[in-house]
Amino acid sequence: MAWIVLFVAGLLEIVWSVAMKQSDGFTRLVPAAVSIAAMIGSVAALAFAMRTLPLGTAYTVWTGIGAVGAFAVGIVFLGEAASALRLAAATLIVAGLVLMKFASAE
């Protein structure tokens, strides 16, 4: 259960980072409100997952999902560059997340 909640926390991190970008420095009300709500939800879900998962594992996976997810959204929806080096870096982050999952026992 903790892994599912942690995954949801990571997805909410993607939501808040994209909404923050769309808020134009918190000058647009709706994206700013979405960003703040998703931040609160993300941190709350992370805290719940940390009740059973180790700190280092939970935090690493949470930030990794957010980072790679925001990277992917930037490429697919915001027209950001998708160079081979950037894609390789994202792949290494995902590989690290998979290794962290296998290295952690609940």
N, C-alpha and C. Protein backbone atom coordinates (compact mmCIF):
# COMPACT_ATOMS: atom_id res chain seq x y z
N MET A 1 0.82 -1.20 0.00
CA MET A 1 0.00 0.00 0.00
C MET A 1 0.86 1.26 0.00
N ALA A 2 1.94 1.24 0.76
CA ALA A 2 2.80 2.42 0.85
C ALA A 2 3.39 2.78 -0.50
N TRP A 3 3.73 1.78 -1.30
CA TRP A 3 4.30 2.05 -2.62
C TRP A 3 3.30 2.71 -3.54
N ILE A 4 2.05 2.31 -3.45
CA ILE A 4 0.99 2.93 -4.27
C ILE A 4 0.80 4.38 -3.86
N VAL A 5 0.74 4.62 -2.56
CA VAL A 5 0.59 5.99 -2.05
C VAL A 5 1.79 6.83 -2.45
N LEU A 6 2.98 6.25 -2.39
CA LEU A 6 4.18 6.98 -2.80
C LEU A 6 4.13 7.33 -4.29
N PHE A 7 3.65 6.41 -5.11
CA PHE A 7 3.50 6.69 -6.53
C PHE A 7 2.52 7.83 -6.77
N VAL A 8 1.41 7.83 -6.05
CA VAL A 8 0.43 8.93 -6.15
C VAL A 8 1.07 10.25 -5.72
N ALA A 9 1.88 10.20 -4.65
CA ALA A 9 2.58 11.40 -4.21
C ALA A 9 3.50 11.93 -5.31
N GLY A 10 4.18 11.04 -6.01
CA GLY A 10 5.03 11.44 -7.12
C GLY A 10 4.24 12.04 -8.26
N LEU A 11 3.07 11.46 -8.56
CA LEU A 11 2.21 12.02 -9.61
C LEU A 11 1.73 13.42 -9.23
N LEU A 12 1.39 13.60 -7.96
CA LEU A 12 0.98 14.93 -7.50
C LEU A 12 2.13 15.93 -7.58
N GLU A 13 3.35 15.45 -7.41
CA GLU A 13 4.51 16.34 -7.56
C GLU A 13 4.61 16.82 -9.01
N ILE A 14 4.32 15.94 -9.95
CA ILE A 14 4.31 16.34 -11.36
C ILE A 14 3.24 17.40 -11.58
N VAL A 15 2.06 17.17 -11.03
CA VAL A 15 0.95 18.11 -11.18
C VAL A 15 1.33 19.48 -10.64
N TRP A 16 1.90 19.51 -9.42
CA TRP A 16 2.19 20.84 -8.87
C TRP A 16 3.29 21.55 -9.62
N SER A 17 4.26 20.83 -10.13
CA SER A 17 5.34 21.51 -10.85
C SER A 17 4.84 22.06 -12.19
N VAL A 18 4.01 21.30 -12.88
CA VAL A 18 3.45 21.78 -14.15
C VAL A 18 2.50 22.96 -13.90
N ALA A 19 1.67 22.83 -12.88
CA ALA A 19 0.75 23.93 -12.56
C ALA A 19 1.51 25.18 -12.13
N MET A 20 2.64 24.99 -11.44
CA MET A 20 3.45 26.14 -11.05
C MET A 20 3.99 26.85 -12.29
N LYS A 21 4.45 26.09 -13.26
CA LYS A 21 4.93 26.67 -14.52
C LYS A 21 3.80 27.44 -15.19
N GLN A 22 2.61 26.86 -15.22
CA GLN A 22 1.46 27.49 -15.86
C GLN A 22 0.95 28.70 -15.08
N SER A 23 1.28 28.79 -13.80
CA SER A 23 0.79 29.91 -12.98
C SER A 23 1.53 31.21 -13.26
N ASP A 24 2.61 31.11 -14.03
CA ASP A 24 3.40 32.30 -14.39
C ASP A 24 3.84 33.07 -13.14
N GLY A 25 4.55 32.35 -12.27
CA GLY A 25 5.05 32.97 -11.04
C GLY A 25 3.96 33.27 -10.04
N PHE A 26 2.94 32.41 -9.98
CA PHE A 26 1.79 32.56 -9.09
C PHE A 26 0.99 33.83 -9.38
N THR A 27 0.99 34.27 -10.62
CA THR A 27 0.18 35.44 -11.00
C THR A 27 -1.15 35.03 -11.62
N ARG A 28 -1.32 33.75 -11.93
CA ARG A 28 -2.60 33.24 -12.46
C ARG A 28 -3.24 32.37 -11.39
N LEU A 29 -4.45 32.74 -10.99
CA LEU A 29 -5.10 32.16 -9.81
C LEU A 29 -5.33 30.65 -9.90
N VAL A 30 -5.97 30.17 -10.96
CA VAL A 30 -6.34 28.75 -11.01
C VAL A 30 -5.10 27.85 -11.02
N PRO A 31 -4.12 28.08 -11.90
CA PRO A 31 -2.94 27.20 -11.84
C PRO A 31 -2.19 27.32 -10.51
N ALA A 32 -2.18 28.51 -9.92
CA ALA A 32 -1.53 28.68 -8.61
C ALA A 32 -2.24 27.86 -7.55
N ALA A 33 -3.57 27.89 -7.56
CA ALA A 33 -4.35 27.12 -6.58
C ALA A 33 -4.16 25.62 -6.78
N VAL A 34 -4.13 25.18 -8.04
CA VAL A 34 -3.89 23.76 -8.34
C VAL A 34 -2.51 23.36 -7.83
N SER A 35 -1.53 24.21 -8.06
CA SER A 35 -0.16 23.92 -7.62
C SER A 35 -0.10 23.76 -6.10
N ILE A 36 -0.69 24.69 -5.39
CA ILE A 36 -0.65 24.64 -3.92
C ILE A 36 -1.39 23.42 -3.39
N ALA A 37 -2.56 23.13 -3.95
CA ALA A 37 -3.33 21.96 -3.50
C ALA A 37 -2.57 20.66 -3.78
N ALA A 38 -1.95 20.58 -4.96
CA ALA A 38 -1.19 19.37 -5.29
C ALA A 38 0.05 19.23 -4.42
N MET A 39 0.67 20.36 -4.06
CA MET A 39 1.82 20.33 -3.14
C MET A 39 1.42 19.72 -1.81
N ILE A 40 0.31 20.20 -1.28
CA ILE A 40 -0.16 19.72 0.02
C ILE A 40 -0.49 18.22 -0.06
N GLY A 41 -1.19 17.83 -1.11
CA GLY A 41 -1.53 16.42 -1.29
C GLY A 41 -0.30 15.55 -1.46
N SER A 42 0.67 16.04 -2.22
CA SER A 42 1.89 15.29 -2.47
C SER A 42 2.67 15.06 -1.18
N VAL A 43 2.84 16.10 -0.41
CA VAL A 43 3.59 15.98 0.84
C VAL A 43 2.83 15.11 1.85
N ALA A 44 1.51 15.24 1.88
CA ALA A 44 0.71 14.40 2.79
C ALA A 44 0.83 12.92 2.41
N ALA A 45 0.77 12.63 1.11
CA ALA A 45 0.92 11.24 0.67
C ALA A 45 2.33 10.72 0.95
N LEU A 46 3.33 11.56 0.74
CA LEU A 46 4.70 11.18 1.07
C LEU A 46 4.83 10.85 2.55
N ALA A 47 4.25 11.69 3.40
CA ALA A 47 4.31 11.45 4.84
C ALA A 47 3.65 10.12 5.21
N PHE A 48 2.52 9.81 4.56
CA PHE A 48 1.85 8.55 4.83
C PHE A 48 2.74 7.37 4.41
N ALA A 49 3.34 7.47 3.23
CA ALA A 49 4.21 6.39 2.74
C ALA A 49 5.42 6.20 3.65
N MET A 50 5.92 7.29 4.22
CA MET A 50 7.09 7.21 5.10
C MET A 50 6.80 6.54 6.43
N ARG A 51 5.53 6.28 6.70
CA ARG A 51 5.21 5.55 7.92
C ARG A 51 5.78 4.13 7.88
N THR A 52 5.90 3.57 6.67
CA THR A 52 6.42 2.21 6.55
C THR A 52 7.67 2.10 5.69
N LEU A 53 7.87 3.03 4.77
CA LEU A 53 9.05 2.98 3.91
C LEU A 53 10.20 3.76 4.53
N PRO A 54 11.43 3.35 4.28
CA PRO A 54 12.57 4.11 4.80
C PRO A 54 12.61 5.52 4.20
N LEU A 55 13.09 6.46 4.97
CA LEU A 55 13.18 7.86 4.54
C LEU A 55 13.90 8.00 3.20
N GLY A 56 15.10 7.45 3.12
CA GLY A 56 15.90 7.61 1.91
C GLY A 56 15.23 7.04 0.68
N THR A 57 14.60 5.91 0.84
CA THR A 57 13.90 5.28 -0.28
C THR A 57 12.69 6.11 -0.70
N ALA A 58 11.85 6.46 0.25
CA ALA A 58 10.63 7.20 -0.06
C ALA A 58 10.95 8.54 -0.70
N TYR A 59 11.88 9.27 -0.13
CA TYR A 59 12.20 10.60 -0.65
C TYR A 59 12.84 10.51 -2.04
N THR A 60 13.72 9.55 -2.23
CA THR A 60 14.37 9.39 -3.53
C THR A 60 13.36 9.04 -4.61
N VAL A 61 12.48 8.10 -4.32
CA VAL A 61 11.48 7.70 -5.31
C VAL A 61 10.52 8.84 -5.59
N TRP A 62 10.09 9.55 -4.57
CA TRP A 62 9.16 10.69 -4.72
C TRP A 62 9.76 11.76 -5.62
N THR A 63 10.97 12.17 -5.33
CA THR A 63 11.60 13.22 -6.14
C THR A 63 11.92 12.71 -7.54
N GLY A 64 12.27 11.44 -7.66
CA GLY A 64 12.56 10.87 -8.97
C GLY A 64 11.35 10.84 -9.87
N ILE A 65 10.22 10.39 -9.33
CA ILE A 65 8.98 10.39 -10.11
C ILE A 65 8.64 11.81 -10.54
N GLY A 66 8.75 12.73 -9.62
CA GLY A 66 8.45 14.13 -9.95
C GLY A 66 9.38 14.70 -11.00
N ALA A 67 10.66 14.41 -10.87
CA ALA A 67 11.64 14.96 -11.81
C ALA A 67 11.47 14.38 -13.21
N VAL A 68 11.37 13.07 -13.30
CA VAL A 68 11.23 12.44 -14.62
C VAL A 68 9.86 12.76 -15.22
N GLY A 69 8.85 12.79 -14.39
CA GLY A 69 7.50 13.13 -14.88
C GLY A 69 7.43 14.56 -15.40
N ALA A 70 8.00 15.50 -14.66
CA ALA A 70 8.01 16.89 -15.11
C ALA A 70 8.84 17.04 -16.39
N PHE A 71 9.93 16.31 -16.46
CA PHE A 71 10.76 16.29 -17.66
C PHE A 71 9.95 15.80 -18.86
N ALA A 72 9.21 14.71 -18.68
CA ALA A 72 8.41 14.15 -19.77
C ALA A 72 7.29 15.10 -20.19
N VAL A 73 6.61 15.70 -19.22
CA VAL A 73 5.55 16.66 -19.55
C VAL A 73 6.14 17.85 -20.31
N GLY A 74 7.31 18.30 -19.88
CA GLY A 74 7.96 19.41 -20.58
C GLY A 74 8.24 19.10 -22.04
N ILE A 75 8.68 17.88 -22.29
CA ILE A 75 8.98 17.48 -23.67
C ILE A 75 7.69 17.29 -24.48
N VAL A 76 6.75 16.54 -23.93
CA VAL A 76 5.55 16.16 -24.69
C VAL A 76 4.59 17.32 -24.88
N PHE A 77 4.40 18.13 -23.84
CA PHE A 77 3.36 19.16 -23.90
C PHE A 77 3.88 20.60 -23.99
N LEU A 78 5.10 20.84 -23.56
CA LEU A 78 5.59 22.21 -23.51
C LEU A 78 6.68 22.49 -24.54
N GLY A 79 6.99 21.52 -25.36
CA GLY A 79 7.94 21.74 -26.45
C GLY A 79 9.39 21.88 -26.02
N GLU A 80 9.74 21.32 -24.87
CA GLU A 80 11.13 21.40 -24.42
C GLU A 80 11.99 20.41 -25.20
N ALA A 81 13.28 20.67 -25.25
CA ALA A 81 14.22 19.86 -26.03
C ALA A 81 14.30 18.44 -25.47
N ALA A 82 14.44 17.48 -26.39
CA ALA A 82 14.57 16.06 -26.03
C ALA A 82 15.86 15.51 -26.63
N SER A 83 16.99 16.07 -26.21
CA SER A 83 18.26 15.61 -26.75
C SER A 83 18.60 14.22 -26.21
N ALA A 84 19.52 13.56 -26.90
CA ALA A 84 19.93 12.22 -26.48
C ALA A 84 20.52 12.24 -25.07
N LEU A 85 21.27 13.27 -24.75
CA LEU A 85 21.89 13.35 -23.42
C LEU A 85 20.84 13.54 -22.33
N ARG A 86 19.84 14.38 -22.59
CA ARG A 86 18.78 14.58 -21.60
C ARG A 86 17.96 13.30 -21.41
N LEU A 87 17.68 12.61 -22.51
CA LEU A 87 16.93 11.34 -22.41
C LEU A 87 17.74 10.28 -21.67
N ALA A 88 19.04 10.25 -21.90
CA ALA A 88 19.91 9.30 -21.19
C ALA A 88 19.91 9.60 -19.70
N ALA A 89 19.95 10.88 -19.34
CA ALA A 89 19.93 11.26 -17.93
C ALA A 89 18.63 10.82 -17.27
N ALA A 90 17.51 11.03 -17.94
CA ALA A 90 16.21 10.61 -17.39
C ALA A 90 16.15 9.09 -17.26
N THR A 91 16.72 8.39 -18.22
CA THR A 91 16.75 6.92 -18.16
C THR A 91 17.55 6.45 -16.95
N LEU A 92 18.66 7.11 -16.68
CA LEU A 92 19.46 6.75 -15.51
C LEU A 92 18.70 7.01 -14.21
N ILE A 93 17.93 8.08 -14.17
CA ILE A 93 17.12 8.35 -12.97
C ILE A 93 16.11 7.24 -12.76
N VAL A 94 15.42 6.84 -13.84
CA VAL A 94 14.44 5.75 -13.74
C VAL A 94 15.12 4.46 -13.30
N ALA A 95 16.29 4.16 -13.85
CA ALA A 95 17.02 2.96 -13.45
C ALA A 95 17.35 3.01 -11.96
N GLY A 96 17.74 4.16 -11.47
CA GLY A 96 18.02 4.33 -10.05
C GLY A 96 16.79 4.11 -9.20
N LEU A 97 15.63 4.57 -9.66
CA LEU A 97 14.39 4.36 -8.92
C LEU A 97 14.03 2.88 -8.85
N VAL A 98 14.21 2.18 -9.96
CA VAL A 98 13.93 0.74 -9.97
C VAL A 98 14.87 0.02 -9.00
N LEU A 99 16.14 0.37 -9.03
CA LEU A 99 17.09 -0.25 -8.11
C LEU A 99 16.74 0.06 -6.66
N MET A 100 16.30 1.29 -6.39
CA MET A 100 15.92 1.67 -5.02
C MET A 100 14.74 0.83 -4.56
N LYS A 101 13.78 0.60 -5.45
CA LYS A 101 12.62 -0.23 -5.10
C LYS A 101 13.05 -1.66 -4.75
N PHE A 102 13.93 -2.23 -5.58
CA PHE A 102 14.36 -3.60 -5.32
C PHE A 102 15.27 -3.70 -4.09
N ALA A 103 15.95 -2.64 -3.77
CA ALA A 103 16.86 -2.65 -2.62
C ALA A 103 16.15 -2.43 -1.30
N SER A 104 14.88 -2.04 -1.35
CA SER A 104 14.14 -1.71 -0.13
C SER A 104 13.17 -2.83 0.24
N ALA A 105 13.20 -3.18 1.50
CA ALA A 105 12.24 -4.16 2.01
C ALA A 105 11.24 -3.43 2.88
N GLU A 106 9.96 -3.75 2.70
CA GLU A 106 8.92 -3.12 3.53
C GLU A 106 8.86 -3.77 4.88
